[in-house]
Protein backbone atom coordinates (compact mmCIF):
# COMPACT_ATOMS: atom_id res chain seq x y z
CA MET A 1 129.32 100.65 87.01
CA THR A 2 126.02 100.06 85.14
CA SER A 3 122.54 99.85 86.09
CA PRO A 4 121.35 96.31 85.20
CA ASP A 5 118.87 98.74 82.47
CA ASP A 6 121.38 99.92 80.66
CA ASN A 7 122.70 96.35 80.31
CA ALA A 8 119.26 94.87 79.94
CA SER A 9 119.36 96.66 76.46
CA ALA A 10 123.25 96.87 74.98
CA PRO A 11 123.60 93.61 73.09
CA ILE A 12 126.71 92.01 74.42
CA ALA A 13 130.09 91.64 73.02
CA ALA A 14 131.14 90.45 69.73
CA PRO A 15 131.26 86.59 69.74
CA GLN A 16 135.01 84.64 69.42
CA ALA A 17 135.82 82.33 66.74
CA GLY A 18 135.08 78.85 66.75
CA ASN A 19 132.34 76.09 65.42
CA GLN A 20 128.26 75.78 65.16
CA GLN A 21 128.28 77.53 69.17
CA ASP A 22 130.51 80.17 69.79
CA SER A 23 131.38 82.23 73.90
CA VAL A 24 130.17 85.12 74.11
CA VAL A 25 131.67 87.51 76.88
CA SER A 26 129.85 90.69 78.50
CA PRO A 27 131.10 91.75 82.27
CA GLY A 28 128.72 91.16 85.14
CA ASP A 29 127.27 93.70 87.75
CA ASP A 30 130.16 92.87 90.28
CA GLY A 31 132.73 93.62 87.59
CA ASP A 32 133.16 90.13 86.84
CA ALA A 33 132.57 88.01 83.28
CA VAL A 34 130.03 86.28 82.86
CA SER A 35 130.42 83.63 78.91
CA VAL A 36 127.40 82.29 77.92
CA ARG A 37 127.52 79.45 74.48
CA VAL A 38 125.24 80.89 72.01
CA PRO A 39 124.82 79.79 68.48
CA ARG A 40 127.00 81.63 65.43
CA SER A 41 123.94 82.88 63.79
CA VAL A 42 121.93 84.53 66.87
CA ALA A 43 125.49 86.56 68.42
CA ASP A 44 126.00 87.60 64.36
CA SER A 45 122.70 89.30 64.23
CA GLY A 46 122.96 91.79 66.88
CA GLU A 47 119.53 90.31 68.29
CA LEU A 48 121.65 89.35 71.88
CA ARG A 49 120.49 91.15 74.68
CA LEU A 50 121.89 91.15 77.90
CA VAL A 51 118.82 90.21 81.06
CA ILE A 52 118.99 90.76 84.26
CA ALA A 53 115.98 89.25 86.19
CA GLN A 54 115.85 90.70 90.55
CA HIS A 55 113.57 88.45 92.80
CA GLU A 56 113.25 89.89 95.83
CA GLN A 57 110.37 88.29 98.04
CA HIS A 58 109.15 90.44 101.36
CA VAL A 59 108.15 88.10 104.38
CA ALA A 60 106.08 89.30 107.47
CA ILE A 61 105.47 87.22 110.17
CA SER A 62 102.43 87.81 112.61
CA GLY A 63 102.95 86.35 115.79
CA PRO A 64 105.48 85.25 118.36
CA LEU A 65 106.65 82.40 116.04
CA PRO A 66 107.78 82.37 112.99
CA PRO A 67 106.21 80.05 109.48
CA PRO A 68 107.68 76.46 110.23
CA ASP A 69 109.22 76.48 107.01
CA ILE A 70 111.38 79.62 108.07
CA LEU A 71 111.74 78.03 112.08
CA ALA A 72 113.47 74.61 110.25
CA GLN A 73 115.66 77.39 108.08
CA TYR A 74 116.99 78.47 111.67
CA GLU A 75 117.73 74.71 112.98
CA ASP A 76 119.72 74.03 109.60
CA ILE A 77 121.94 76.96 111.11
CA VAL A 78 122.47 76.91 114.25
CA PRO A 79 120.92 73.61 115.81
CA GLY A 80 118.32 73.77 118.83
CA SER A 81 117.33 77.35 117.67
CA ALA A 82 113.93 75.89 116.74
CA ALA A 83 113.19 74.19 120.26
CA ARG A 84 114.48 78.49 122.06
CA ILE A 85 112.60 80.12 120.29
CA VAL A 86 109.53 77.62 121.17
CA SER A 87 110.33 77.46 124.27
CA TRP A 88 110.93 81.67 124.54
CA ALA A 89 107.54 82.12 122.67
CA GLU A 90 106.04 79.53 126.08
CA LYS A 91 107.56 81.64 128.10
CA GLU A 92 105.98 85.08 126.05
CA GLN A 93 102.84 83.69 126.30
CA ALA A 94 102.84 83.25 130.02
CA HIS A 95 103.80 85.80 131.38
CA ARG A 96 101.50 87.80 129.20
CA HIS A 97 99.68 85.75 130.37
CA ALA A 98 100.15 86.79 133.71
CA ILE A 99 99.89 90.39 133.66
CA ASP A 100 96.37 89.65 131.76
CA SER A 101 95.40 88.00 135.18
CA ASP A 102 97.65 90.44 138.00
CA SER A 103 95.31 93.52 135.90
CA LEU A 104 91.96 91.35 135.93
CA ARG A 105 92.82 90.47 139.34
CA ALA A 106 93.70 94.83 140.40
CA ASP A 107 90.00 95.97 138.73
CA ILE A 108 88.46 93.88 140.97
CA ILE A 109 90.03 94.87 143.57
CA TYR A 110 89.47 98.25 142.84
CA ALA A 111 85.32 97.95 142.32
CA ARG A 112 84.87 96.41 145.39
CA ALA A 113 87.56 98.81 147.42
CA GLY A 114 85.05 101.63 145.04
CA LEU A 115 81.87 99.89 146.25
CA TYR A 116 83.05 99.59 150.19
CA GLY A 117 84.01 102.59 150.18
CA GLY A 118 80.33 103.87 148.48
CA ILE A 119 78.75 102.16 150.79
CA ALA A 120 80.69 103.10 153.78
CA LEU A 121 80.09 106.87 152.98
CA SER A 122 76.46 106.58 152.42
CA VAL A 123 75.99 105.07 155.89
CA PHE A 124 77.95 107.31 157.18
CA PHE A 125 76.35 110.45 155.80
CA VAL A 126 72.76 108.50 157.02
CA ILE A 127 73.96 108.08 160.47
CA ALA A 128 74.86 111.66 160.41
CA ALA A 129 71.34 112.72 158.71
CA LEU A 130 69.79 110.43 161.77
CA PHE A 131 71.80 112.13 164.54
CA ALA A 132 71.65 115.62 163.20
CA ALA A 133 67.15 115.38 162.70
CA ASN A 134 67.57 114.49 166.48
CA ALA A 135 69.66 117.26 167.74
CA GLY A 136 66.51 119.36 166.22
CA HIS A 137 69.12 120.51 162.49
CA THR A 138 66.47 119.23 160.72
CA THR A 139 67.53 121.16 157.11
CA LEU A 140 70.57 119.72 158.04
CA ALA A 141 69.51 116.45 158.57
CA THR A 142 68.09 116.86 154.58
CA ILE A 143 70.15 118.01 153.07
CA LEU A 144 72.37 115.22 153.98
CA ALA A 145 69.86 112.52 153.16
CA GLY A 146 68.93 114.36 150.02
CA ALA A 147 72.30 114.16 148.90
CA THR A 148 72.91 110.70 149.71
CA ILE A 149 70.32 109.45 148.49
CA ALA A 150 71.00 111.50 145.28
CA SER A 151 74.07 110.27 144.62
CA VAL A 152 73.59 106.50 145.49
CA ILE A 153 70.55 106.38 143.57
CA PRO A 154 72.03 107.27 139.61
CA ALA A 155 75.18 104.72 140.71
CA VAL A 156 71.90 101.94 141.21
CA VAL A 157 70.58 102.43 138.50
CA HIS A 158 73.31 102.87 135.88
CA GLY A 159 75.35 100.42 137.54
CA ARG A 160 78.26 98.79 134.86
CA ALA A 161 77.14 101.23 132.38
CA HIS A 162 80.03 104.12 132.57
CA LYS A 163 82.51 101.33 133.05
CA PRO A 164 84.88 101.22 129.74
CA ASP A 165 84.31 97.74 127.73
CA ARG A 166 87.46 96.03 127.76
CA THR A 167 86.79 93.88 124.62
CA PRO A 168 88.40 94.56 121.26
CA HIS A 169 86.15 96.45 119.04
CA ALA A 170 86.23 94.82 115.18
CA PRO A 171 86.51 98.01 112.94
CA ASP A 172 82.49 98.23 110.85
CA GLN A 173 83.03 98.06 107.10
CA ASN A 174 82.56 101.84 106.69
CA ASP A 175 85.16 102.96 108.83
């Protein structure tokens, strides 16, 4: 089997007898003969070359739906397929939104549980410090109250500064 480059530089087979235009036969890529009609003067000059051109196109689709022209081709091949594809994309989007909504609700519940748990522990340690002070254990009361205050103040001051940002980061031009 010859490659297209081999055929591109080789002259087409010799012309067969005829009048002003002769039929020139050359083997095709798959072994079938290709008939081309050319003027006799060109065929006799040996200038005739077989040129094979191949066009390849790649299409990249971004998103759940193909472009309208490709969607129309699906519809031409299988009637009703375009409506099914659009319906699938709508269901997929609704599912993705439900997952995001559930995730957001879970984040809110987790944050509230942490907040309420932190408040409950702080109140517990303050009450424990008061009982220890009332019982005459001033050193223990100071440690409990001091540790509670030392852990609550940074949380109040920093607040949500330590929580990671949930918005997508756009890369800088220098990245």
